[in-house]
Amino acid sequence: MLQVRDDAVLQAEPVSTLDRLGPDERAGSLSSPRSGVVAAPPLDTLDRLGRAHESAPRSPRSGVHVLLWQRALEPAAGSWALPGGELGRDEHLNSSIRRQLAEKVDVRELSHLEQLDSRGRPERVPGRRVVATSYLGLVPVDADPRLPDDTAWHPVADLPAMAFDHGDIVRAATGRLSRKLSYTNLGFALAPPRFTMSELARIYRAALGHDVDVTNLRRVLVRRAQIEPTGQTAPSGPGGGRPAAIYRFTAHQLQVTDPFAVLAPPRA
């Protein structure tokens, strides 16, 4: 799961995936090749990508973070991995993802969920064949799930050594997030219900990986009808000055608003 963290704004959280292999799974192997979504639940694993957030008190570092857990069993015991688990025999992929996030890491508020990719290289997990379907999930910035002791948020820019191909999955997820912010209204899944433009710009900076001009961002998003003013203003800071206008997203479902747009860094 991915989360945009910014100590100057709110508290929230980012994207993740993991192969959880039980004792029976580790001893088994897939007898035939599986494509994309596999239909033999006991032997299949869902890889999941989680959410984007704002700052959480457990980490003073800003930027996009990913939720990882430390594996206790082989293969790759002690390595950090993305949260995931077995697909139930009669379970749909999306249902399984939501269930496992709620049960394992207390994440119950996904603001956006989409399939990222499927991975099935024979050597991706030592000792057995594991086909994984990865998802990008985003959660609201004000969510504060209770994390188990073996689970923690890690900055995407400074990932620890990770199990299997999970580092590649994190990079694919953050790339997808960055690209979609350019041509869709996906910012709704990262932002709080109401925000100032300075707060929203910090979220976009973290997710895009480059500077964002507040005035230009407001102009672009208003022109695309992605955001609108609420008519309210934020309290003035200690230094006084003009109160900042408060905005909100006009829709909370994914919409393509400019299919050929790219949110490029400001010109020097």
Protein backbone atom coordinates (compact mmCIF):
# COMPACT_ATOMS: atom_id res chain seq x y z
CA MET A 1 0.00 0.00 0.00
CA LEU A 2 1.19 3.51 -0.76
CA GLN A 3 0.83 6.60 1.35
CA VAL A 4 1.91 10.20 0.83
CA ARG A 5 3.33 11.50 4.09
CA ASP A 6 3.81 15.18 4.84
CA ASP A 7 4.36 16.26 8.42
CA ALA A 8 3.05 19.72 7.56
CA VAL A 9 -0.40 18.46 6.56
CA LEU A 10 -2.43 15.53 7.89
CA GLN A 11 -1.86 11.99 9.02
CA ALA A 12 -2.40 9.11 6.70
CA GLU A 13 -0.67 6.28 4.63
CA PRO A 14 0.82 4.20 0.84
CA VAL A 15 1.02 0.88 -1.69
CA SER A 16 2.01 -2.67 -0.92
CA THR A 17 2.22 -6.33 -1.90
CA LEU A 18 3.34 -9.55 -0.37
CA ASP A 19 3.47 -13.26 -0.89
CA ARG A 20 2.21 -14.91 2.31
CA LEU A 21 3.05 -18.58 2.13
CA GLY A 22 1.69 -20.94 4.75
CA PRO A 23 3.39 -24.23 5.66
CA ASP A 24 1.21 -26.22 3.28
CA GLU A 25 1.84 -23.77 0.46
CA ARG A 26 5.61 -23.80 0.91
CA ALA A 27 5.65 -27.56 0.58
CA GLY A 28 3.55 -27.57 -2.58
CA SER A 29 4.09 -26.58 -6.15
CA LEU A 30 1.85 -25.70 -9.06
CA SER A 31 1.59 -28.63 -11.41
CA SER A 32 0.58 -26.54 -14.40
CA PRO A 33 1.20 -22.98 -15.59
CA ARG A 34 -1.33 -20.39 -14.42
CA SER A 35 -2.27 -17.19 -16.17
CA GLY A 36 -3.13 -13.80 -14.66
CA VAL A 37 -5.84 -14.61 -12.16
CA VAL A 38 -5.53 -18.17 -10.95
CA ALA A 39 -8.47 -20.34 -9.96
CA ALA A 40 -6.84 -22.85 -7.61
CA PRO A 41 -7.08 -20.86 -4.34
CA PRO A 42 -5.04 -23.00 -1.92
CA LEU A 43 -1.92 -22.69 -4.07
CA ASP A 44 -2.28 -19.13 -5.25
CA THR A 45 -1.16 -15.89 -3.68
CA LEU A 46 -2.48 -12.38 -4.11
CA ASP A 47 0.11 -9.64 -4.21
CA ARG A 48 -1.41 -6.38 -3.15
CA LEU A 49 -0.47 -2.78 -3.58
CA GLY A 50 -1.85 -0.47 -0.99
CA ARG A 51 -2.31 3.19 -0.43
CA ALA A 52 -1.27 6.79 -0.59
CA HIS A 53 -1.34 9.01 2.47
CA GLU A 54 -0.16 11.99 4.35
CA SER A 55 2.15 12.18 7.32
CA ALA A 56 1.88 9.67 10.14
CA PRO A 57 3.29 10.33 13.59
CA ARG A 58 5.45 7.19 13.44
CA SER A 59 7.62 8.70 10.69
CA PRO A 60 8.92 12.25 10.45
CA ARG A 61 9.93 11.72 6.83
CA SER A 62 7.79 13.10 4.03
CA GLY A 63 7.02 11.57 0.65
CA VAL A 64 5.35 8.44 -0.70
CA HIS A 65 5.54 5.51 1.71
CA VAL A 66 4.71 1.85 1.27
CA LEU A 67 3.32 -0.51 3.90
CA LEU A 68 5.59 -3.53 4.36
CA TRP A 69 5.73 -6.46 6.73
CA GLN A 70 8.73 -8.51 7.79
CA ARG A 71 8.50 -12.16 6.83
CA ALA A 72 8.92 -14.63 9.69
CA LEU A 73 9.15 -17.83 7.61
CA GLU A 74 11.16 -19.08 4.68
CA PRO A 75 11.54 -18.36 1.88
CA ALA A 76 13.10 -14.92 2.46
CA ALA A 77 12.61 -14.96 6.26
CA GLY A 78 13.48 -11.58 7.76
CA SER A 79 12.99 -9.71 4.48
CA TRP A 80 10.42 -6.98 4.03
CA ALA A 81 7.49 -7.75 1.75
CA LEU A 82 4.18 -6.35 0.57
CA PRO A 83 0.94 -7.41 2.33
CA GLY A 84 -1.06 -10.13 0.60
CA GLY A 85 -2.34 -13.64 1.00
CA GLU A 86 -4.27 -16.60 -0.34
CA LEU A 87 -7.24 -16.23 -2.60
CA GLY A 88 -10.24 -18.03 -1.10
CA ARG A 89 -11.73 -20.84 -3.15
CA ASP A 90 -14.99 -18.98 -3.79
CA GLU A 91 -13.57 -15.47 -3.48
CA HIS A 92 -13.24 -12.71 -6.08
CA LEU A 93 -9.91 -10.88 -6.27
CA ASN A 94 -11.20 -7.50 -5.11
CA SER A 95 -13.09 -9.07 -2.21
CA SER A 96 -10.03 -11.00 -1.12
CA ILE A 97 -7.85 -7.92 -1.16
CA ARG A 98 -10.24 -5.91 0.98
CA ARG A 99 -10.72 -8.78 3.41
CA GLN A 100 -7.04 -9.43 3.88
CA LEU A 101 -6.14 -5.77 4.31
CA ALA A 102 -8.81 -5.47 6.99
CA GLU A 103 -7.80 -8.68 8.80
CA LYS A 104 -4.03 -8.38 8.60
CA VAL A 105 -3.20 -4.69 8.77
CA ASP A 106 -6.52 -3.08 9.83
CA VAL A 107 -6.96 -1.18 6.56
CA ARG A 108 -10.68 -0.82 5.91
CA GLU A 109 -10.96 2.44 4.00
CA LEU A 110 -9.68 2.09 0.46
CA SER A 111 -10.40 5.20 -1.54
CA HIS A 112 -9.24 3.58 -4.78
CA LEU A 113 -8.28 0.08 -5.91
CA GLU A 114 -7.13 -1.10 -9.34
CA GLN A 115 -5.29 -4.08 -10.75
CA LEU A 116 -1.65 -3.35 -11.49
CA ASP A 117 -0.22 -6.46 -13.14
CA SER A 118 0.28 -10.21 -12.89
CA ARG A 119 3.62 -11.93 -12.36
CA GLY A 120 4.39 -15.58 -12.91
CA ARG A 121 8.10 -16.12 -13.60
CA PRO A 122 8.90 -19.67 -12.45
CA GLU A 123 11.84 -18.45 -10.34
CA ARG A 124 10.11 -15.48 -8.63
CA VAL A 125 9.59 -17.47 -5.40
CA PRO A 126 12.21 -20.13 -4.53
CA GLY A 127 11.03 -23.71 -4.25
CA ARG A 128 7.58 -23.45 -5.80
CA ARG A 129 5.56 -21.78 -8.53
CA VAL A 130 3.62 -18.73 -7.34
CA VAL A 131 1.52 -16.63 -9.70
CA ALA A 132 0.69 -13.24 -8.19
CA THR A 133 -1.78 -10.52 -9.13
CA SER A 134 -0.73 -7.08 -7.88
CA TYR A 135 -3.06 -4.21 -7.07
CA LEU A 136 -2.61 -0.51 -6.50
CA GLY A 137 -4.73 0.64 -3.58
CA LEU A 138 -5.02 4.11 -2.10
CA VAL A 139 -6.41 5.03 1.28
CA PRO A 140 -7.67 8.34 2.68
CA VAL A 141 -5.08 10.49 4.40
CA ASP A 142 -6.96 10.55 7.68
CA ALA A 143 -7.01 6.75 8.08
CA ASP A 144 -4.89 5.49 10.98
CA PRO A 145 -4.90 1.68 11.03
CA ARG A 146 -3.41 -0.26 13.92
CA LEU A 147 -0.33 -1.98 12.57
CA PRO A 148 1.06 -5.29 13.86
CA ASP A 149 4.55 -5.24 15.35
CA ASP A 150 6.05 -6.77 12.20
CA THR A 151 4.51 -4.13 9.90
CA ALA A 152 5.73 -0.60 9.16
CA TRP A 153 5.64 2.22 6.62
CA HIS A 154 8.77 2.70 4.53
CA PRO A 155 9.67 5.60 2.22
CA VAL A 156 9.58 4.51 -1.42
CA ALA A 157 12.72 6.55 -2.04
CA ASP A 158 14.63 4.45 0.51
CA LEU A 159 13.27 0.90 0.40
CA PRO A 160 14.84 -1.83 2.55
CA ALA A 161 16.00 -5.11 1.02
CA MET A 162 12.77 -6.71 -0.15
CA ALA A 163 11.60 -10.27 -0.75
CA PHE A 164 11.12 -11.73 -4.21
CA ASP A 165 10.16 -9.12 -6.86
CA HIS A 166 8.28 -6.84 -4.47
CA GLY A 167 10.65 -3.91 -5.01
CA ASP A 168 9.79 -3.98 -8.71
CA ILE A 169 6.09 -4.05 -7.84
CA VAL A 170 6.44 -0.97 -5.60
CA ARG A 171 8.22 0.89 -8.40
CA ALA A 172 5.54 -0.12 -10.90
CA ALA A 173 2.82 1.08 -8.52
CA THR A 174 4.37 4.48 -7.85
CA GLY A 175 4.94 4.95 -11.57
CA ARG A 176 1.29 4.15 -12.27
CA LEU A 177 0.19 6.60 -9.56
CA SER A 178 2.39 9.38 -10.90
CA ARG A 179 1.18 8.95 -14.49
CA LYS A 180 -2.50 8.78 -13.57
CA LEU A 181 -2.32 12.02 -11.60
CA SER A 182 -1.51 13.76 -14.90
CA TYR A 183 -4.60 12.78 -16.85
CA THR A 184 -7.22 11.74 -14.25
CA ASN A 185 -8.74 13.04 -11.03
CA LEU A 186 -6.94 10.38 -8.93
CA GLY A 187 -5.84 13.05 -6.47
CA PHE A 188 -9.24 12.57 -4.79
CA ALA A 189 -7.94 9.28 -3.38
CA LEU A 190 -4.92 10.93 -1.76
CA ALA A 191 -6.41 14.14 -0.42
CA PRO A 192 -8.54 14.76 2.66
CA PRO A 193 -12.19 15.70 2.04
CA ARG A 194 -11.30 19.41 2.20
CA PHE A 195 -7.93 21.05 1.71
CA THR A 196 -6.10 24.24 0.85
CA MET A 197 -4.18 24.39 -2.41
CA SER A 198 -0.89 24.44 -0.52
CA GLU A 199 -1.84 21.14 1.15
CA LEU A 200 -2.89 19.59 -2.17
CA ALA A 201 0.30 20.77 -3.87
CA ARG A 202 2.39 19.01 -1.20
CA ILE A 203 0.54 15.76 -1.93
CA TYR A 204 1.11 16.14 -5.68
CA ARG A 205 4.79 16.97 -5.17
CA ALA A 206 5.30 13.79 -3.17
CA ALA A 207 3.45 11.57 -5.64
CA LEU A 208 4.91 13.14 -8.81
CA GLY A 209 8.45 13.41 -7.50
CA HIS A 210 8.99 16.99 -8.65
CA ASP A 211 8.03 20.53 -7.71
CA VAL A 212 4.47 21.72 -8.29
CA ASP A 213 3.46 25.36 -8.58
CA VAL A 214 0.41 25.98 -6.38
CA THR A 215 -1.17 28.59 -8.68
CA ASN A 216 -0.72 26.51 -11.82
CA LEU A 217 -2.04 23.38 -10.10
CA ARG A 218 -5.20 25.21 -9.02
CA ARG A 219 -5.70 26.63 -12.51
CA VAL A 220 -5.28 23.23 -14.19
CA LEU A 221 -7.53 21.30 -11.79
CA VAL A 222 -10.28 23.95 -11.80
CA ARG A 223 -10.21 24.10 -15.60
CA ARG A 224 -10.62 20.31 -15.74
CA ALA A 225 -13.50 20.56 -13.22
CA GLN A 226 -11.67 18.23 -10.82
CA ILE A 227 -11.86 20.58 -7.82
CA GLU A 228 -14.14 23.36 -6.65
CA PRO A 229 -14.07 25.92 -3.82
CA THR A 230 -16.21 25.12 -0.79
CA GLY A 231 -16.79 28.78 0.05
CA GLN A 232 -14.87 28.31 3.30
CA THR A 233 -11.44 29.57 4.29
CA ALA A 234 -8.72 28.21 6.54
CA PRO A 235 -7.78 30.12 9.72
CA SER A 236 -4.94 32.57 9.25
CA GLY A 237 -1.53 31.54 10.53
CA PRO A 238 0.42 33.24 13.33
CA GLY A 239 1.70 35.82 10.87
CA GLY A 240 -1.79 36.77 9.72
CA GLY A 241 -2.35 37.37 6.01
CA ARG A 242 -5.18 36.48 3.70
CA PRO A 243 -7.00 33.26 4.72
CA ALA A 244 -6.51 30.41 2.25
CA ALA A 245 -9.54 29.17 0.34
CA ILE A 246 -10.63 25.58 1.02
CA TYR A 247 -11.33 23.26 -1.92
CA ARG A 248 -12.73 19.77 -2.46
CA PHE A 249 -12.75 17.27 -5.33
CA THR A 250 -15.95 17.27 -7.38
CA ALA A 251 -16.02 13.47 -7.81
CA HIS A 252 -14.75 10.52 -5.78
CA GLN A 253 -14.60 7.97 -8.57
CA LEU A 254 -11.84 7.75 -11.15
CA GLN A 255 -12.41 9.94 -14.20
CA VAL A 256 -10.18 10.66 -17.19
CA THR A 257 -10.30 14.44 -17.49
CA ASP A 258 -7.50 15.09 -20.02
CA PRO A 259 -6.23 11.92 -21.74
CA PHE A 260 -3.11 13.54 -23.23
CA ALA A 261 -2.04 15.68 -20.27
CA VAL A 262 1.29 15.51 -18.45
CA LEU A 263 1.90 17.39 -15.19
CA ALA A 264 5.46 18.48 -15.93
CA PRO A 265 7.83 20.25 -13.51
CA PRO A 266 7.77 24.07 -13.58
CA ARG A 267 10.13 25.63 -16.07
CA ALA A 268 13.37 26.93 -14.63
